[in-house]
ModelCIF file with pLDDT and N, C-alpha, C, O atoms, coordinates in Angstrom:
data_MODEL
#
_entry.id   MODEL 
#
_entity.id                         1 
_entity.type                       polymer 
_entity.pdbx_number_of_molecules   1 
#
_entity_poly.entity_id                      1 
_entity_poly.type                           'polypeptide(L)' 
_entity_poly.nstd_linkage                   no 
_entity_poly.nstd_monomer                   no 
_entity_poly.pdbx_seq_one_letter_code       QAGGSLRLSCAASGHTFSLRSIGWFRQAPVQEREFVAAIGWSDTA 
_entity_poly.pdbx_seq_one_letter_code_can   QAGGSLRLSCAASGHTFSLRSIGWFRQAPVQEREFVAAIGWSDTA 
_entity_poly.pdbx_strand_id                 A 
#
loop_
_entity_poly_seq.entity_id 
_entity_poly_seq.num 
_entity_poly_seq.mon_id 
_entity_poly_seq.hetero 
1 1  GLN n 
1 2  ALA n 
1 3  GLY n 
1 4  GLY n 
1 5  SER n 
1 6  LEU n 
1 7  ARG n 
1 8  LEU n 
1 9  SER n 
1 10 CYS n 
1 11 ALA n 
1 12 ALA n 
1 13 SER n 
1 14 GLY n 
1 15 HIS n 
1 16 THR n 
1 17 PHE n 
1 18 SER n 
1 19 LEU n 
1 20 ARG n 
1 21 SER n 
1 22 ILE n 
1 23 GLY n 
1 24 TRP n 
1 25 PHE n 
1 26 ARG n 
1 27 GLN n 
1 28 ALA n 
1 29 PRO n 
1 30 VAL n 
1 31 GLN n 
1 32 GLU n 
1 33 ARG n 
1 34 GLU n 
1 35 PHE n 
1 36 VAL n 
1 37 ALA n 
1 38 ALA n 
1 39 ILE n 
1 40 GLY n 
1 41 TRP n 
1 42 SER n 
1 43 ASP n 
1 44 THR n 
1 45 ALA n 
#
_struct_asym.id          A 
_struct_asym.entity_id   1 
#
loop_
_ma_qa_metric.id 
_ma_qa_metric.mode 
_ma_qa_metric.name 
_ma_qa_metric.software_group_id 
_ma_qa_metric.type 
1 global pLDDT . pLDDT 
2 local  pLDDT . pLDDT 
#
_ma_qa_metric_global.metric_id      1 
_ma_qa_metric_global.metric_value   94.93 
_ma_qa_metric_global.model_id       1 
_ma_qa_metric_global.ordinal_id     1 
#
loop_
_ma_qa_metric_local.label_asym_id 
_ma_qa_metric_local.label_comp_id 
_ma_qa_metric_local.label_seq_id 
_ma_qa_metric_local.metric_id 
_ma_qa_metric_local.metric_value 
_ma_qa_metric_local.model_id 
_ma_qa_metric_local.ordinal_id 
A GLN 1  2 97.00 1 1  
A ALA 2  2 98.00 1 2  
A GLY 3  2 97.00 1 3  
A GLY 4  2 97.00 1 4  
A SER 5  2 98.00 1 5  
A LEU 6  2 98.00 1 6  
A ARG 7  2 98.00 1 7  
A LEU 8  2 98.00 1 8  
A SER 9  2 98.00 1 9  
A CYS 10 2 98.00 1 10 
A ALA 11 2 98.00 1 11 
A ALA 12 2 97.00 1 12 
A SER 13 2 95.00 1 13 
A GLY 14 2 94.00 1 14 
A HIS 15 2 93.00 1 15 
A THR 16 2 90.00 1 16 
A PHE 17 2 89.00 1 17 
A SER 18 2 91.00 1 18 
A LEU 19 2 93.00 1 19 
A ARG 20 2 94.00 1 20 
A SER 21 2 96.00 1 21 
A ILE 22 2 97.00 1 22 
A GLY 23 2 96.00 1 23 
A TRP 24 2 98.00 1 24 
A PHE 25 2 98.00 1 25 
A ARG 26 2 97.00 1 26 
A GLN 27 2 97.00 1 27 
A ALA 28 2 96.00 1 28 
A PRO 29 2 90.00 1 29 
A VAL 30 2 91.00 1 30 
A GLN 31 2 94.00 1 31 
A GLU 32 2 94.00 1 32 
A ARG 33 2 94.00 1 33 
A GLU 34 2 95.00 1 34 
A PHE 35 2 97.00 1 35 
A VAL 36 2 98.00 1 36 
A ALA 37 2 97.00 1 37 
A ALA 38 2 97.00 1 38 
A ILE 39 2 97.00 1 39 
A GLY 40 2 95.00 1 40 
A TRP 41 2 93.00 1 41 
A SER 42 2 89.00 1 42 
A ASP 43 2 87.00 1 43 
A THR 44 2 85.00 1 44 
A ALA 45 2 93.00 1 45 
#
loop_
_atom_site.group_PDB 
_atom_site.id 
_atom_site.type_symbol 
_atom_site.label_atom_id 
_atom_site.label_alt_id 
_atom_site.label_comp_id 
_atom_site.label_asym_id 
_atom_site.label_entity_id 
_atom_site.label_seq_id 
_atom_site.pdbx_PDB_ins_code 
_atom_site.Cartn_x 
_atom_site.Cartn_y 
_atom_site.Cartn_z 
_atom_site.occupancy 
_atom_site.B_iso_or_equiv 
_atom_site.pdbx_formal_charge 
_atom_site.auth_seq_id 
_atom_site.auth_comp_id 
_atom_site.auth_asym_id 
_atom_site.auth_atom_id 
_atom_site.pdbx_PDB_model_num 
ATOM 1   N N  . GLN A 1 1  ? 6.258  -31.797 5.508  1.00 97.00 ? 1  GLN A N  1 
ATOM 2   C CA . GLN A 1 1  ? 6.752  -31.853 4.131  1.00 97.00 ? 1  GLN A CA 1 
ATOM 3   C C  . GLN A 1 1  ? 6.658  -30.484 3.470  1.00 97.00 ? 1  GLN A C  1 
ATOM 4   O O  . GLN A 1 1  ? 5.833  -29.651 3.845  1.00 97.00 ? 1  GLN A O  1 
ATOM 5   N N  . ALA A 1 2  ? 7.508  -30.271 2.493  1.00 98.00 ? 2  ALA A N  1 
ATOM 6   C CA . ALA A 1 2  ? 7.455  -29.025 1.734  1.00 98.00 ? 2  ALA A CA 1 
ATOM 7   C C  . ALA A 1 2  ? 6.057  -28.826 1.149  1.00 98.00 ? 2  ALA A C  1 
ATOM 8   O O  . ALA A 1 2  ? 5.440  -29.758 0.633  1.00 98.00 ? 2  ALA A O  1 
ATOM 9   N N  . GLY A 1 3  ? 5.580  -27.591 1.244  1.00 97.00 ? 3  GLY A N  1 
ATOM 10  C CA . GLY A 1 3  ? 4.234  -27.272 0.795  1.00 97.00 ? 3  GLY A CA 1 
ATOM 11  C C  . GLY A 1 3  ? 3.203  -27.345 1.897  1.00 97.00 ? 3  GLY A C  1 
ATOM 12  O O  . GLY A 1 3  ? 2.075  -26.881 1.731  1.00 97.00 ? 3  GLY A O  1 
ATOM 13  N N  . GLY A 1 4  ? 3.581  -27.924 3.016  1.00 97.00 ? 4  GLY A N  1 
ATOM 14  C CA . GLY A 1 4  ? 2.666  -28.079 4.131  1.00 97.00 ? 4  GLY A CA 1 
ATOM 15  C C  . GLY A 1 4  ? 2.575  -26.838 5.007  1.00 97.00 ? 4  GLY A C  1 
ATOM 16  O O  . GLY A 1 4  ? 3.140  -25.792 4.689  1.00 97.00 ? 4  GLY A O  1 
ATOM 17  N N  . SER A 1 5  ? 1.851  -26.974 6.118  1.00 98.00 ? 5  SER A N  1 
ATOM 18  C CA . SER A 1 5  ? 1.604  -25.856 7.027  1.00 98.00 ? 5  SER A CA 1 
ATOM 19  C C  . SER A 1 5  ? 1.867  -26.264 8.469  1.00 98.00 ? 5  SER A C  1 
ATOM 20  O O  . SER A 1 5  ? 1.755  -27.435 8.833  1.00 98.00 ? 5  SER A O  1 
ATOM 21  N N  . LEU A 1 6  ? 2.214  -25.283 9.271  1.00 98.00 ? 6  LEU A N  1 
ATOM 22  C CA . LEU A 1 6  ? 2.342  -25.433 10.718 1.00 98.00 ? 6  LEU A CA 1 
ATOM 23  C C  . LEU A 1 6  ? 1.881  -24.140 11.359 1.00 98.00 ? 6  LEU A C  1 
ATOM 24  O O  . LEU A 1 6  ? 1.965  -23.071 10.755 1.00 98.00 ? 6  LEU A O  1 
ATOM 25  N N  . ARG A 1 7  ? 1.390  -24.244 12.598 1.00 98.00 ? 7  ARG A N  1 
ATOM 26  C CA . ARG A 1 7  ? 1.085  -23.053 13.369 1.00 98.00 ? 7  ARG A CA 1 
ATOM 27  C C  . ARG A 1 7  ? 1.878  -23.089 14.668 1.00 98.00 ? 7  ARG A C  1 
ATOM 28  O O  . ARG A 1 7  ? 1.730  -23.999 15.484 1.00 98.00 ? 7  ARG A O  1 
ATOM 29  N N  . LEU A 1 8  ? 2.710  -22.093 14.838 1.00 98.00 ? 8  LEU A N  1 
ATOM 30  C CA . LEU A 1 8  ? 3.477  -21.950 16.065 1.00 98.00 ? 8  LEU A CA 1 
ATOM 31  C C  . LEU A 1 8  ? 2.722  -21.063 17.041 1.00 98.00 ? 8  LEU A C  1 
ATOM 32  O O  . LEU A 1 8  ? 1.999  -20.149 16.645 1.00 98.00 ? 8  LEU A O  1 
ATOM 33  N N  . SER A 1 9  ? 2.902  -21.350 18.319 1.00 98.00 ? 9  SER A N  1 
ATOM 34  C CA . SER A 1 9  ? 2.305  -20.542 19.373 1.00 98.00 ? 9  SER A CA 1 
ATOM 35  C C  . SER A 1 9  ? 3.396  -20.034 20.302 1.00 98.00 ? 9  SER A C  1 
ATOM 36  O O  . SER A 1 9  ? 4.392  -20.717 20.541 1.00 98.00 ? 9  SER A O  1 
ATOM 37  N N  . CYS A 1 10 ? 3.199  -18.831 20.823 1.00 98.00 ? 10 CYS A N  1 
ATOM 38  C CA . CYS A 1 10 ? 4.086  -18.263 21.834 1.00 98.00 ? 10 CYS A CA 1 
ATOM 39  C C  . CYS A 1 10 ? 3.200  -17.789 22.979 1.00 98.00 ? 10 CYS A C  1 
ATOM 40  O O  . CYS A 1 10 ? 2.480  -16.799 22.853 1.00 98.00 ? 10 CYS A O  1 
ATOM 41  N N  . ALA A 1 11 ? 3.261  -18.501 24.090 1.00 98.00 ? 11 ALA A N  1 
ATOM 42  C CA . ALA A 1 11 ? 2.459  -18.149 25.250 1.00 98.00 ? 11 ALA A CA 1 
ATOM 43  C C  . ALA A 1 11 ? 3.277  -17.251 26.171 1.00 98.00 ? 11 ALA A C  1 
ATOM 44  O O  . ALA A 1 11 ? 4.383  -17.603 26.582 1.00 98.00 ? 11 ALA A O  1 
ATOM 45  N N  . ALA A 1 12 ? 2.719  -16.095 26.486 1.00 97.00 ? 12 ALA A N  1 
ATOM 46  C CA . ALA A 1 12 ? 3.388  -15.139 27.368 1.00 97.00 ? 12 ALA A CA 1 
ATOM 47  C C  . ALA A 1 12 ? 2.736  -15.171 28.741 1.00 97.00 ? 12 ALA A C  1 
ATOM 48  O O  . ALA A 1 12 ? 1.515  -15.280 28.861 1.00 97.00 ? 12 ALA A O  1 
ATOM 49  N N  . SER A 1 13 ? 3.561  -15.076 29.769 1.00 95.00 ? 13 SER A N  1 
ATOM 50  C CA . SER A 1 13 ? 3.050  -15.025 31.135 1.00 95.00 ? 13 SER A CA 1 
ATOM 51  C C  . SER A 1 13 ? 3.858  -14.018 31.941 1.00 95.00 ? 13 SER A C  1 
ATOM 52  O O  . SER A 1 13 ? 4.942  -13.602 31.534 1.00 95.00 ? 13 SER A O  1 
ATOM 53  N N  . GLY A 1 14 ? 3.321  -13.642 33.072 1.00 94.00 ? 14 GLY A N  1 
ATOM 54  C CA . GLY A 1 14 ? 3.980  -12.632 33.899 1.00 94.00 ? 14 GLY A CA 1 
ATOM 55  C C  . GLY A 1 14 ? 3.403  -11.260 33.624 1.00 94.00 ? 14 GLY A C  1 
ATOM 56  O O  . GLY A 1 14 ? 2.191  -11.118 33.461 1.00 94.00 ? 14 GLY A O  1 
ATOM 57  N N  . HIS A 1 15 ? 4.254  -10.246 33.570 1.00 93.00 ? 15 HIS A N  1 
ATOM 58  C CA . HIS A 1 15 ? 3.824  -8.856  33.408 1.00 93.00 ? 15 HIS A CA 1 
ATOM 59  C C  . HIS A 1 15 ? 3.580  -8.508  31.934 1.00 93.00 ? 15 HIS A C  1 
ATOM 60  O O  . HIS A 1 15 ? 4.236  -7.627  31.377 1.00 93.00 ? 15 HIS A O  1 
ATOM 61  N N  . THR A 1 16 ? 2.649  -9.197  31.328 1.00 90.00 ? 16 THR A N  1 
ATOM 62  C CA . THR A 1 16 ? 2.387  -8.988  29.901 1.00 90.00 ? 16 THR A CA 1 
ATOM 63  C C  . THR A 1 16 ? 1.819  -7.610  29.612 1.00 90.00 ? 16 THR A C  1 
ATOM 64  O O  . THR A 1 16 ? 1.898  -7.129  28.482 1.00 90.00 ? 16 THR A O  1 
ATOM 65  N N  . PHE A 1 17 ? 1.242  -6.968  30.631 1.00 89.00 ? 17 PHE A N  1 
ATOM 66  C CA . PHE A 1 17 ? 0.695  -5.621  30.438 1.00 89.00 ? 17 PHE A CA 1 
ATOM 67  C C  . PHE A 1 17 ? 1.788  -4.623  30.057 1.00 89.00 ? 17 PHE A C  1 
ATOM 68  O O  . PHE A 1 17 ? 1.501  -3.556  29.515 1.00 89.00 ? 17 PHE A O  1 
ATOM 69  N N  . SER A 1 18 ? 3.033  -4.974  30.342 1.00 91.00 ? 18 SER A N  1 
ATOM 70  C CA . SER A 1 18 ? 4.148  -4.064  30.074 1.00 91.00 ? 18 SER A CA 1 
ATOM 71  C C  . SER A 1 18 ? 4.667  -4.144  28.641 1.00 91.00 ? 18 SER A C  1 
ATOM 72  O O  . SER A 1 18 ? 5.511  -3.341  28.242 1.00 91.00 ? 18 SER A O  1 
ATOM 73  N N  . LEU A 1 19 ? 4.170  -5.101  27.868 1.00 93.00 ? 19 LEU A N  1 
ATOM 74  C CA . LEU A 1 19 ? 4.717  -5.328  26.532 1.00 93.00 ? 19 LEU A CA 1 
ATOM 75  C C  . LEU A 1 19 ? 4.232  -4.295  25.530 1.00 93.00 ? 19 LEU A C  1 
ATOM 76  O O  . LEU A 1 19 ? 3.084  -3.853  25.577 1.00 93.00 ? 19 LEU A O  1 
ATOM 77  N N  . ARG A 1 20 ? 5.121  -3.918  24.625 1.00 94.00 ? 20 ARG A N  1 
ATOM 78  C CA . ARG A 1 20 ? 4.797  -3.054  23.482 1.00 94.00 ? 20 ARG A CA 1 
ATOM 79  C C  . ARG A 1 20 ? 4.632  -3.888  22.216 1.00 94.00 ? 20 ARG A C  1 
ATOM 80  O O  . ARG A 1 20 ? 3.796  -3.576  21.368 1.00 94.00 ? 20 ARG A O  1 
ATOM 81  N N  . SER A 1 21 ? 5.424  -4.944  22.088 1.00 96.00 ? 21 SER A N  1 
ATOM 82  C CA . SER A 1 21 ? 5.399  -5.751  20.867 1.00 96.00 ? 21 SER A CA 1 
ATOM 83  C C  . SER A 1 21 ? 5.945  -7.137  21.134 1.00 96.00 ? 21 SER A C  1 
ATOM 84  O O  . SER A 1 21 ? 6.567  -7.388  22.166 1.00 96.00 ? 21 SER A O  1 
ATOM 85  N N  . ILE A 1 22 ? 5.702  -8.037  20.186 1.00 97.00 ? 22 ILE A N  1 
ATOM 86  C CA . ILE A 1 22 ? 6.175  -9.408  20.296 1.00 97.00 ? 22 ILE A CA 1 
ATOM 87  C C  . ILE A 1 22 ? 6.385  -9.942  18.883 1.00 97.00 ? 22 ILE A C  1 
ATOM 88  O O  . ILE A 1 22 ? 5.669  -9.561  17.958 1.00 97.00 ? 22 ILE A O  1 
ATOM 89  N N  . GLY A 1 23 ? 7.360  -10.819 18.721 1.00 96.00 ? 23 GLY A N  1 
ATOM 90  C CA . GLY A 1 23 ? 7.650  -11.267 17.368 1.00 96.00 ? 23 GLY A CA 1 
ATOM 91  C C  . GLY A 1 23 ? 8.347  -12.606 17.319 1.00 96.00 ? 23 GLY A C  1 
ATOM 92  O O  . GLY A 1 23 ? 8.600  -13.246 18.340 1.00 96.00 ? 23 GLY A O  1 
ATOM 93  N N  . TRP A 1 24 ? 8.656  -13.017 16.076 1.00 98.00 ? 24 TRP A N  1 
ATOM 94  C CA . TRP A 1 24 ? 9.292  -14.300 15.824 1.00 98.00 ? 24 TRP A CA 1 
ATOM 95  C C  . TRP A 1 24 ? 10.612 -14.110 15.067 1.00 98.00 ? 24 TRP A C  1 
ATOM 96  O O  . TRP A 1 24 ? 10.738 -13.266 14.180 1.00 98.00 ? 24 TRP A O  1 
ATOM 97  N N  . PHE A 1 25 ? 11.575 -14.925 15.457 1.00 98.00 ? 25 PHE A N  1 
ATOM 98  C CA . PHE A 1 25 ? 12.849 -15.010 14.763 1.00 98.00 ? 25 PHE A CA 1 
ATOM 99  C C  . PHE A 1 25 ? 13.130 -16.484 14.488 1.00 98.00 ? 25 PHE A C  1 
ATOM 100 O O  . PHE A 1 25 ? 12.483 -17.367 15.050 1.00 98.00 ? 25 PHE A O  1 
ATOM 101 N N  . ARG A 1 26 ? 14.083 -16.731 13.633 1.00 97.00 ? 26 ARG A N  1 
ATOM 102 C CA . ARG A 1 26 ? 14.497 -18.114 13.394 1.00 97.00 ? 26 ARG A CA 1 
ATOM 103 C C  . ARG A 1 26 ? 15.997 -18.163 13.173 1.00 97.00 ? 26 ARG A C  1 
ATOM 104 O O  . ARG A 1 26 ? 16.624 -17.189 12.757 1.00 97.00 ? 26 ARG A O  1 
ATOM 105 N N  . GLN A 1 27 ? 16.550 -19.328 13.463 1.00 97.00 ? 27 GLN A N  1 
ATOM 106 C CA . GLN A 1 27 ? 17.984 -19.531 13.253 1.00 97.00 ? 27 GLN A CA 1 
ATOM 107 C C  . GLN A 1 27 ? 18.207 -20.947 12.765 1.00 97.00 ? 27 GLN A C  1 
ATOM 108 O O  . GLN A 1 27 ? 17.903 -21.914 13.462 1.00 97.00 ? 27 GLN A O  1 
ATOM 109 N N  . ALA A 1 28 ? 18.740 -21.057 11.565 1.00 96.00 ? 28 ALA A N  1 
ATOM 110 C CA . ALA A 1 28 ? 19.094 -22.351 11.000 1.00 96.00 ? 28 ALA A CA 1 
ATOM 111 C C  . ALA A 1 28 ? 20.532 -22.683 11.399 1.00 96.00 ? 28 ALA A C  1 
ATOM 112 O O  . ALA A 1 28 ? 21.294 -21.795 11.779 1.00 96.00 ? 28 ALA A O  1 
ATOM 113 N N  . PRO A 1 29 ? 20.902 -23.968 11.311 1.00 90.00 ? 29 PRO A N  1 
ATOM 114 C CA . PRO A 1 29 ? 22.266 -24.356 11.681 1.00 90.00 ? 29 PRO A CA 1 
ATOM 115 C C  . PRO A 1 29 ? 23.315 -23.569 10.910 1.00 90.00 ? 29 PRO A C  1 
ATOM 116 O O  . PRO A 1 29 ? 23.189 -23.374 9.701  1.00 90.00 ? 29 PRO A O  1 
ATOM 117 N N  . VAL A 1 30 ? 24.316 -23.132 11.587 1.00 91.00 ? 30 VAL A N  1 
ATOM 118 C CA . VAL A 1 30 ? 25.454 -22.361 11.075 1.00 91.00 ? 30 VAL A CA 1 
ATOM 119 C C  . VAL A 1 30 ? 25.023 -21.109 10.327 1.00 91.00 ? 30 VAL A C  1 
ATOM 120 O O  . VAL A 1 30 ? 25.769 -20.617 9.480  1.00 91.00 ? 30 VAL A O  1 
ATOM 121 N N  . GLN A 1 31 ? 23.852 -20.586 10.615 1.00 94.00 ? 31 GLN A N  1 
ATOM 122 C CA . GLN A 1 31 ? 23.396 -19.334 10.021 1.00 94.00 ? 31 GLN A CA 1 
ATOM 123 C C  . GLN A 1 31 ? 23.073 -18.331 11.122 1.00 94.00 ? 31 GLN A C  1 
ATOM 124 O O  . GLN A 1 31 ? 22.871 -18.701 12.278 1.00 94.00 ? 31 GLN A O  1 
ATOM 125 N N  . GLU A 1 32 ? 23.029 -17.060 10.745 1.00 94.00 ? 32 GLU A N  1 
ATOM 126 C CA . GLU A 1 32 ? 22.685 -16.025 11.704 1.00 94.00 ? 32 GLU A CA 1 
ATOM 127 C C  . GLU A 1 32 ? 21.183 -16.032 11.991 1.00 94.00 ? 32 GLU A C  1 
ATOM 128 O O  . GLU A 1 32 ? 20.376 -16.521 11.201 1.00 94.00 ? 32 GLU A O  1 
ATOM 129 N N  . ARG A 1 33 ? 20.852 -15.486 13.122 1.00 94.00 ? 33 ARG A N  1 
ATOM 130 C CA . ARG A 1 33 ? 19.453 -15.301 13.471 1.00 94.00 ? 33 ARG A CA 1 
ATOM 131 C C  . ARG A 1 33 ? 18.780 -14.378 12.457 1.00 94.00 ? 33 ARG A C  1 
ATOM 132 O O  . ARG A 1 33 ? 19.372 -13.399 12.004 1.00 94.00 ? 33 ARG A O  1 
ATOM 133 N N  . GLU A 1 34 ? 17.538 -14.703 12.111 1.00 95.00 ? 34 GLU A N  1 
ATOM 134 C CA . GLU A 1 34 ? 16.812 -13.956 11.077 1.00 95.00 ? 34 GLU A CA 1 
ATOM 135 C C  . GLU A 1 34 ? 15.446 -13.527 11.615 1.00 95.00 ? 34 GLU A C  1 
ATOM 136 O O  . GLU A 1 34 ? 14.728 -14.321 12.223 1.00 95.00 ? 34 GLU A O  1 
ATOM 137 N N  . PHE A 1 35 ? 15.105 -12.279 11.386 1.00 97.00 ? 35 PHE A N  1 
ATOM 138 C CA . PHE A 1 35 ? 13.780 -11.785 11.738 1.00 97.00 ? 35 PHE A CA 1 
ATOM 139 C C  . PHE A 1 35 ? 12.731 -12.436 10.840 1.00 97.00 ? 35 PHE A C  1 
ATOM 140 O O  . PHE A 1 35 ? 12.963 -12.639 9.648  1.00 97.00 ? 35 PHE A O  1 
ATOM 141 N N  . VAL A 1 36 ? 11.563 -12.765 11.427 1.00 98.00 ? 36 VAL A N  1 
ATOM 142 C CA . VAL A 1 36 ? 10.476 -13.368 10.659 1.00 98.00 ? 36 VAL A CA 1 
ATOM 143 C C  . VAL A 1 36 ? 9.256  -12.450 10.611 1.00 98.00 ? 36 VAL A C  1 
ATOM 144 O O  . VAL A 1 36 ? 8.805  -12.057 9.535  1.00 98.00 ? 36 VAL A O  1 
ATOM 145 N N  . ALA A 1 37 ? 8.725  -12.114 11.792 1.00 97.00 ? 37 ALA A N  1 
ATOM 146 C CA . ALA A 1 37 ? 7.529  -11.268 11.845 1.00 97.00 ? 37 ALA A CA 1 
ATOM 147 C C  . ALA A 1 37 ? 7.374  -10.714 13.252 1.00 97.00 ? 37 ALA A C  1 
ATOM 148 O O  . ALA A 1 37 ? 7.871  -11.296 14.217 1.00 97.00 ? 37 ALA A O  1 
ATOM 149 N N  . ALA A 1 38 ? 6.680  -9.586  13.363 1.00 97.00 ? 38 ALA A N  1 
ATOM 150 C CA . ALA A 1 38 ? 6.422  -8.991  14.673 1.00 97.00 ? 38 ALA A CA 1 
ATOM 151 C C  . ALA A 1 38 ? 5.090  -8.270  14.639 1.00 97.00 ? 38 ALA A C  1 
ATOM 152 O O  . ALA A 1 38 ? 4.616  -7.856  13.581 1.00 97.00 ? 38 ALA A O  1 
ATOM 153 N N  . ILE A 1 39 ? 4.484  -8.122  15.832 1.00 97.00 ? 39 ILE A N  1 
ATOM 154 C CA . ILE A 1 39 ? 3.159  -7.515  15.934 1.00 97.00 ? 39 ILE A CA 1 
ATOM 155 C C  . ILE A 1 39 ? 3.085  -6.683  17.206 1.00 97.00 ? 39 ILE A C  1 
ATOM 156 O O  . ILE A 1 39 ? 3.690  -7.043  18.216 1.00 97.00 ? 39 ILE A O  1 
ATOM 157 N N  . GLY A 1 40 ? 2.365  -5.594  17.170 1.00 95.00 ? 40 GLY A N  1 
ATOM 158 C CA . GLY A 1 40 ? 2.139  -4.814  18.368 1.00 95.00 ? 40 GLY A CA 1 
ATOM 159 C C  . GLY A 1 40 ? 1.322  -5.610  19.372 1.00 95.00 ? 40 GLY A C  1 
ATOM 160 O O  . GLY A 1 40 ? 0.442  -6.385  18.996 1.00 95.00 ? 40 GLY A O  1 
ATOM 161 N N  . TRP A 1 41 ? 1.622  -5.412  20.658 1.00 93.00 ? 41 TRP A N  1 
ATOM 162 C CA . TRP A 1 41 ? 0.900  -6.184  21.674 1.00 93.00 ? 41 TRP A CA 1 
ATOM 163 C C  . TRP A 1 41 ? -0.527 -5.672  21.854 1.00 93.00 ? 41 TRP A C  1 
ATOM 164 O O  . TRP A 1 41 ? -1.437 -6.452  22.135 1.00 93.00 ? 41 TRP A O  1 
ATOM 165 N N  . SER A 1 42 ? -0.723 -4.366  21.693 1.00 89.00 ? 42 SER A N  1 
ATOM 166 C CA . SER A 1 42 ? -2.060 -3.810  21.875 1.00 89.00 ? 42 SER A CA 1 
ATOM 167 C C  . SER A 1 42 ? -2.454 -2.862  20.743 1.00 89.00 ? 42 SER A C  1 
ATOM 168 O O  . SER A 1 42 ? -3.388 -2.073  20.888 1.00 89.00 ? 42 SER A O  1 
ATOM 169 N N  . ASP A 1 43 ? -1.755 -2.940  19.634 1.00 87.00 ? 43 ASP A N  1 
ATOM 170 C CA . ASP A 1 43 ? -2.151 -2.157  18.466 1.00 87.00 ? 43 ASP A CA 1 
ATOM 171 C C  . ASP A 1 43 ? -2.054 -3.038  17.222 1.00 87.00 ? 43 ASP A C  1 
ATOM 172 O O  . ASP A 1 43 ? -1.759 -4.229  17.322 1.00 87.00 ? 43 ASP A O  1 
ATOM 173 N N  . THR A 1 44 ? -2.300 -2.457  16.064 1.00 85.00 ? 44 THR A N  1 
ATOM 174 C CA . THR A 1 44 ? -2.418 -3.255  14.840 1.00 85.00 ? 44 THR A CA 1 
ATOM 175 C C  . THR A 1 44 ? -1.146 -3.275  14.006 1.00 85.00 ? 44 THR A C  1 
ATOM 176 O O  . THR A 1 44 ? -1.148 -3.789  12.887 1.00 85.00 ? 44 THR A O  1 
ATOM 177 N N  . ALA A 1 45 ? -0.072 -2.728  14.530 1.00 93.00 ? 45 ALA A N  1 
ATOM 178 C CA . ALA A 1 45 ? 1.171  -2.703  13.754 1.00 93.00 ? 45 ALA A CA 1 
ATOM 179 C C  . ALA A 1 45 ? 1.697  -4.118  13.527 1.00 93.00 ? 45 ALA A C  1 
ATOM 180 O O  . ALA A 1 45 ? 2.737  -4.295  12.892 1.00 93.00 ? 45 ALA A O  1 
#
């Protein structure tokens, strides 16, 4: 419901040591993909 909370998870597997960053996008029906948030894989960005 509106006002509520959810926590999404993204589990990475394979050559994760090669990653620089990881992030989230979203796409609503008949809308373009939208950036949500991103974080460095091994830094604080």
